[in-house]
């Protein structure tokens, strides 16, 4: 069992007492994009960066095509479930260092706002679960979201997360979405 992360936040530097950085991927339904992000980060983070996901109005289950895609790519799926952000807002919850919203503003999708002191950044990604059409078209939308997240997360885990100030962290994580 990993010890909890206890960070001290200031506007200058995030000081970590344990070298684990916790990221929460947040969207409305917590069935597709945020689930993909959680799995990918837990794969690429190598226990240095840990991913979680949640939604403001979670679905009953993760989208079957999200789980299918993750399994086909050899990504972890054990324990993935749609859950409310309330699980991460409790005093007994693991502290979250970074919240990444993945809702799509271009589609007029409203992004939930997570309470608390975590650094918050937006990575807009079109919702593959909203794609109608053939199963192949839906799978293509999931693959596009997966690849976008995979590229961004691969860059994220290379950052010196524990040593960045809050402002530097926001800037660097926002830059990832622009590249």
Foldseek 3Di string as FASTA:
>chain_A
DDDFWDWDADQAAIATPDQEAEEEEEFAALAALRLLLQQLCCVLLVRSYHYHYEHQHHDAFHDPLRVVVCVVVVTDDPPRGYHHCVQQVDPPHRDHAEYEYADAVVVVGDGDDRDDDHQYEYQHQYDLVPDDDDPVSSNVSRVVSNVLSNQLSNQVSPDPVNTGRSVRNRVVSNVSSVD
